[in-house]
Structures are given as structure tokens and as C-alpha cells.
Amino acid sequence: MLGHAYYLYCESLNFPDPRQVSRYEGVQWIEVTIWHKDRMDGLDGLAFDEPQRSAQKTDPPGTKSIMAAVGNHLNPIENASASHESFHLIQYGVTYFKPR
């Protein structure tokens, strides 16, 4: 689902790739993690506006990523939270505030 959302937003609609904007200079990955529903505090998904240390154990120390999380309670066929959170990563790349 996230790959399709990326293609739609960045390739078809020409939104900026969040890995290539000045705010996220040095970011190498977009990481999407699946969290247990208890960790989600009632949310379906969450996108982080600041770069995070990569969660990949094989990455060298200091490797940065931008990250989104979705709950393991979701059915991705019925819930578009992964696509929604990927849009937030694009939004945060071009704005320096987190609008509600």
C-alpha cells in the first residue's frame, strides 16, 4: 500500500520526495513500522515529523530515517492509514510545523 501511495503522490502528482527535501537532508530511508494496537494510544497511524535513528540493525550508527507507524489491528484493504501517514511525511518535508 505504501509503495502505491508513494507512486501516486511523488510520481503522478509531483509532490516532493521527502527523502530529497532540505529539511530531511541526510535521511536515507522511509521506515514504516507495525505497532501493537496498545502502543498506538487509540490511533490507527502516526507519522513523525523529525528524522529518527534508523531501526534497521544492519545500518551503520547514525543512519537516519523518517518514520511512520501503523497499528497491527488494521485491515489494510479496508483502512488507508498507511497511505494517509505517508502523505504526512511529504507534508512535514515541505512545512516546518505540524498542522492539525
N, C-alpha and C. Protein backbone atom coordinates (compact mmCIF):
# COMPACT_ATOMS: atom_id res chain seq x y z
N MET A 1 0.82 -1.19 0.00
CA MET A 1 0.00 0.00 0.00
C MET A 1 0.86 1.25 0.00
N LEU A 2 1.92 1.28 0.81
CA LEU A 2 2.75 2.48 0.89
C LEU A 2 3.45 2.75 -0.43
N GLY A 3 3.89 1.72 -1.11
CA GLY A 3 4.53 1.90 -2.42
C GLY A 3 3.59 2.54 -3.42
N HIS A 4 2.35 2.13 -3.39
CA HIS A 4 1.34 2.73 -4.28
C HIS A 4 1.10 4.19 -3.93
N ALA A 5 1.04 4.49 -2.63
CA ALA A 5 0.82 5.87 -2.19
C ALA A 5 2.01 6.74 -2.61
N TYR A 6 3.21 6.23 -2.43
CA TYR A 6 4.41 6.98 -2.84
C TYR A 6 4.34 7.27 -4.34
N TYR A 7 4.02 6.28 -5.14
CA TYR A 7 3.94 6.47 -6.59
C TYR A 7 2.88 7.52 -6.92
N LEU A 8 1.72 7.44 -6.30
CA LEU A 8 0.66 8.41 -6.56
C LEU A 8 1.10 9.81 -6.20
N TYR A 9 1.60 10.00 -4.98
CA TYR A 9 1.95 11.33 -4.51
C TYR A 9 3.17 11.92 -5.21
N CYS A 10 4.24 11.14 -5.29
CA CYS A 10 5.52 11.69 -5.78
C CYS A 10 5.70 11.56 -7.29
N GLU A 11 5.25 10.49 -7.87
CA GLU A 11 5.45 10.29 -9.30
C GLU A 11 4.31 10.87 -10.12
N SER A 12 3.08 10.60 -9.74
CA SER A 12 1.93 11.07 -10.53
C SER A 12 1.56 12.52 -10.23
N LEU A 13 1.51 12.88 -8.95
CA LEU A 13 1.08 14.23 -8.57
C LEU A 13 2.25 15.20 -8.36
N ASN A 14 3.47 14.70 -8.49
CA ASN A 14 4.69 15.52 -8.41
C ASN A 14 4.89 16.22 -7.06
N PHE A 15 4.41 15.62 -5.99
CA PHE A 15 4.78 16.12 -4.67
C PHE A 15 6.25 15.78 -4.46
N PRO A 16 6.96 16.56 -3.64
CA PRO A 16 8.39 16.29 -3.44
C PRO A 16 8.63 14.99 -2.67
N ASP A 17 9.63 14.26 -3.09
CA ASP A 17 10.05 13.06 -2.36
C ASP A 17 10.60 13.53 -1.01
N PRO A 18 10.05 13.09 0.10
CA PRO A 18 10.51 13.59 1.39
C PRO A 18 11.97 13.29 1.70
N ARG A 19 12.54 12.30 1.03
CA ARG A 19 13.96 12.00 1.25
C ARG A 19 14.87 12.99 0.54
N GLN A 20 14.32 13.82 -0.32
CA GLN A 20 15.15 14.73 -1.13
C GLN A 20 14.90 16.20 -0.83
N VAL A 21 14.24 16.52 0.27
CA VAL A 21 13.99 17.91 0.63
C VAL A 21 15.03 18.35 1.67
N SER A 22 15.27 19.65 1.73
CA SER A 22 16.33 20.16 2.61
C SER A 22 16.07 19.86 4.09
N ARG A 23 14.81 19.82 4.50
CA ARG A 23 14.52 19.54 5.91
C ARG A 23 15.05 18.18 6.33
N TYR A 24 15.02 17.23 5.44
CA TYR A 24 15.43 15.87 5.77
C TYR A 24 16.75 15.50 5.11
N GLU A 25 17.64 16.46 4.97
CA GLU A 25 18.94 16.19 4.38
C GLU A 25 19.66 15.09 5.16
N GLY A 26 20.18 14.14 4.46
CA GLY A 26 20.90 13.03 5.09
C GLY A 26 20.03 11.83 5.44
N VAL A 27 18.72 11.97 5.31
CA VAL A 27 17.82 10.85 5.58
C VAL A 27 17.95 9.84 4.45
N GLN A 28 18.10 8.57 4.81
CA GLN A 28 18.29 7.54 3.80
C GLN A 28 17.06 6.66 3.59
N TRP A 29 16.19 6.58 4.57
CA TRP A 29 15.08 5.64 4.48
C TRP A 29 13.77 6.28 4.88
N ILE A 30 12.71 5.74 4.33
CA ILE A 30 11.38 5.94 4.87
C ILE A 30 11.03 4.61 5.53
N GLU A 31 10.87 4.62 6.82
CA GLU A 31 10.56 3.39 7.55
C GLU A 31 9.11 3.40 7.98
N VAL A 32 8.43 2.32 7.72
CA VAL A 32 7.06 2.14 8.20
C VAL A 32 7.08 0.91 9.10
N THR A 33 6.68 1.11 10.32
CA THR A 33 6.68 0.02 11.28
C THR A 33 5.25 -0.32 11.66
N ILE A 34 5.07 -1.54 12.10
CA ILE A 34 3.76 -2.00 12.56
C ILE A 34 3.85 -2.16 14.06
N TRP A 35 3.00 -1.41 14.75
CA TRP A 35 2.99 -1.42 16.21
C TRP A 35 1.73 -2.13 16.71
N HIS A 36 1.87 -2.75 17.87
CA HIS A 36 0.71 -3.36 18.53
C HIS A 36 -0.30 -2.27 18.85
N LYS A 37 -1.57 -2.59 18.75
CA LYS A 37 -2.62 -1.58 18.96
C LYS A 37 -2.53 -0.91 20.32
N ASP A 38 -2.03 -1.58 21.34
CA ASP A 38 -1.89 -0.98 22.66
C ASP A 38 -0.89 0.17 22.67
N ARG A 39 0.10 0.11 21.80
CA ARG A 39 1.12 1.15 21.71
C ARG A 39 0.62 2.37 20.93
N MET A 40 -0.46 2.22 20.18
CA MET A 40 -0.95 3.27 19.30
C MET A 40 -1.84 4.30 20.02
N ASP A 41 -2.14 4.11 21.29
CA ASP A 41 -2.95 5.06 22.05
C ASP A 41 -4.26 5.41 21.35
N GLY A 42 -4.91 4.42 20.78
CA GLY A 42 -6.19 4.63 20.13
C GLY A 42 -6.11 5.13 18.69
N LEU A 43 -4.91 5.36 18.19
CA LEU A 43 -4.74 5.84 16.82
C LEU A 43 -4.61 4.67 15.86
N ASP A 44 -4.89 4.93 14.60
CA ASP A 44 -4.65 3.92 13.55
C ASP A 44 -3.23 4.05 13.00
N GLY A 45 -2.72 5.29 12.94
CA GLY A 45 -1.39 5.53 12.39
C GLY A 45 -0.77 6.76 12.99
N LEU A 46 0.53 6.90 12.76
CA LEU A 46 1.28 8.01 13.33
C LEU A 46 2.47 8.28 12.43
N ALA A 47 2.70 9.54 12.07
CA ALA A 47 3.88 9.92 11.29
C ALA A 47 4.72 10.87 12.14
N PHE A 48 6.01 10.68 12.13
CA PHE A 48 6.93 11.51 12.91
C PHE A 48 7.48 12.61 12.04
N ASP A 49 7.50 13.85 12.55
CA ASP A 49 7.95 14.97 11.74
C ASP A 49 9.45 15.22 11.83
N GLU A 50 10.14 14.58 12.74
CA GLU A 50 11.60 14.74 12.84
C GLU A 50 12.29 13.43 12.44
N PRO A 51 13.47 13.54 11.84
CA PRO A 51 14.21 12.31 11.49
C PRO A 51 14.49 11.48 12.74
N GLN A 52 14.49 10.18 12.56
CA GLN A 52 14.73 9.22 13.64
C GLN A 52 16.00 8.42 13.32
N ARG A 53 16.59 7.85 14.34
CA ARG A 53 17.67 6.91 14.11
C ARG A 53 17.07 5.67 13.48
N SER A 54 17.69 5.17 12.42
CA SER A 54 17.16 4.02 11.72
C SER A 54 17.02 2.83 12.67
N ALA A 55 15.90 2.13 12.54
CA ALA A 55 15.65 0.95 13.37
C ALA A 55 16.30 -0.30 12.78
N GLN A 56 16.85 -0.19 11.59
CA GLN A 56 17.47 -1.34 10.94
C GLN A 56 18.79 -1.68 11.62
N LYS A 57 18.90 -2.86 12.15
CA LYS A 57 20.09 -3.27 12.90
C LYS A 57 21.33 -3.33 12.01
N THR A 58 21.14 -3.50 10.71
CA THR A 58 22.29 -3.62 9.81
C THR A 58 22.82 -2.27 9.32
N ASP A 59 22.10 -1.18 9.61
CA ASP A 59 22.55 0.15 9.20
C ASP A 59 23.67 0.64 10.09
N PRO A 60 24.63 1.38 9.53
CA PRO A 60 25.70 1.95 10.37
C PRO A 60 25.12 2.93 11.40
N PRO A 61 25.77 3.08 12.55
CA PRO A 61 25.29 4.04 13.54
C PRO A 61 25.17 5.43 12.92
N GLY A 62 24.13 6.15 13.29
CA GLY A 62 23.91 7.49 12.77
C GLY A 62 23.06 7.55 11.51
N THR A 63 22.70 6.39 10.95
CA THR A 63 21.83 6.38 9.78
C THR A 63 20.46 6.89 10.19
N LYS A 64 19.92 7.83 9.42
CA LYS A 64 18.64 8.43 9.78
C LYS A 64 17.54 8.05 8.81
N SER A 65 16.32 8.04 9.34
CA SER A 65 15.15 7.75 8.53
C SER A 65 14.02 8.67 8.96
N ILE A 66 13.01 8.76 8.11
CA ILE A 66 11.76 9.36 8.55
C ILE A 66 10.80 8.19 8.73
N MET A 67 9.94 8.31 9.71
CA MET A 67 9.22 7.12 10.14
C MET A 67 7.73 7.36 10.31
N ALA A 68 6.98 6.32 9.98
CA ALA A 68 5.54 6.27 10.24
C ALA A 68 5.25 4.91 10.87
N ALA A 69 4.21 4.86 11.65
CA ALA A 69 3.79 3.60 12.27
C ALA A 69 2.30 3.40 12.01
N VAL A 70 1.92 2.17 11.82
CA VAL A 70 0.50 1.82 11.70
C VAL A 70 0.22 0.69 12.68
N GLY A 71 -1.02 0.62 13.14
CA GLY A 71 -1.41 -0.38 14.12
C GLY A 71 -1.62 -1.75 13.50
N ASN A 72 -1.30 -2.78 14.27
CA ASN A 72 -1.47 -4.15 13.78
C ASN A 72 -2.93 -4.59 13.79
N HIS A 73 -3.81 -3.74 14.28
CA HIS A 73 -5.23 -4.06 14.33
C HIS A 73 -5.96 -3.69 13.04
N LEU A 74 -5.26 -3.09 12.10
CA LEU A 74 -5.90 -2.59 10.88
C LEU A 74 -5.93 -3.65 9.78
N ASN A 75 -6.97 -3.59 9.00
CA ASN A 75 -7.05 -4.36 7.77
C ASN A 75 -6.69 -3.39 6.64
N PRO A 76 -5.52 -3.54 6.00
CA PRO A 76 -5.09 -2.56 5.01
C PRO A 76 -6.00 -2.47 3.78
N ILE A 77 -6.83 -3.47 3.57
CA ILE A 77 -7.78 -3.41 2.45
C ILE A 77 -8.91 -2.44 2.78
N GLU A 78 -9.25 -2.35 4.06
CA GLU A 78 -10.36 -1.51 4.48
C GLU A 78 -9.94 -0.18 5.10
N ASN A 79 -8.67 -0.02 5.43
CA ASN A 79 -8.21 1.17 6.13
C ASN A 79 -6.99 1.73 5.42
N ALA A 80 -7.04 3.00 5.05
CA ALA A 80 -5.97 3.64 4.27
C ALA A 80 -4.97 4.40 5.15
N SER A 81 -4.82 4.01 6.40
CA SER A 81 -3.92 4.75 7.30
C SER A 81 -2.49 4.79 6.81
N ALA A 82 -1.98 3.73 6.22
CA ALA A 82 -0.59 3.75 5.73
C ALA A 82 -0.42 4.82 4.66
N SER A 83 -1.35 4.93 3.74
CA SER A 83 -1.30 5.98 2.71
C SER A 83 -1.43 7.36 3.34
N HIS A 84 -2.31 7.48 4.30
CA HIS A 84 -2.53 8.75 4.99
C HIS A 84 -1.25 9.20 5.69
N GLU A 85 -0.58 8.29 6.39
CA GLU A 85 0.65 8.64 7.10
C GLU A 85 1.78 8.97 6.13
N SER A 86 1.82 8.29 4.99
CA SER A 86 2.86 8.61 4.00
C SER A 86 2.66 10.03 3.47
N PHE A 87 1.41 10.47 3.33
CA PHE A 87 1.17 11.85 2.92
C PHE A 87 1.70 12.82 3.96
N HIS A 88 1.53 12.49 5.25
CA HIS A 88 2.07 13.36 6.30
C HIS A 88 3.58 13.49 6.19
N LEU A 89 4.28 12.44 5.84
CA LEU A 89 5.73 12.53 5.69
C LEU A 89 6.10 13.53 4.59
N ILE A 90 5.34 13.53 3.51
CA ILE A 90 5.55 14.52 2.44
C ILE A 90 5.23 15.92 2.97
N GLN A 91 4.12 16.05 3.65
CA GLN A 91 3.69 17.33 4.21
C GLN A 91 4.74 17.90 5.16
N TYR A 92 5.26 17.07 6.05
CA TYR A 92 6.25 17.54 7.02
C TYR A 92 7.57 17.91 6.34
N GLY A 93 7.85 17.31 5.20
CA GLY A 93 9.08 17.64 4.48
C GLY A 93 9.08 19.04 3.91
N VAL A 94 7.92 19.57 3.62
CA VAL A 94 7.84 20.90 3.00
C VAL A 94 7.31 21.96 3.96
N THR A 95 6.88 21.59 5.15
CA THR A 95 6.45 22.55 6.15
C THR A 95 7.23 22.28 7.42
N TYR A 96 7.47 23.32 8.19
CA TYR A 96 8.25 23.18 9.41
C TYR A 96 7.36 23.27 10.65
N PHE A 97 6.11 22.97 10.48
CA PHE A 97 5.20 22.93 11.61
C PHE A 97 4.26 21.75 11.38
N LYS A 98 3.61 21.34 12.42
CA LYS A 98 2.76 20.17 12.36
C LYS A 98 1.30 20.61 12.50
N PRO A 99 0.66 20.98 11.39
CA PRO A 99 -0.71 21.47 11.49
C PRO A 99 -1.68 20.36 11.88
N ARG A 100 -2.72 20.71 12.55
CA ARG A 100 -3.76 19.74 12.92
C ARG A 100 -4.75 19.63 11.79
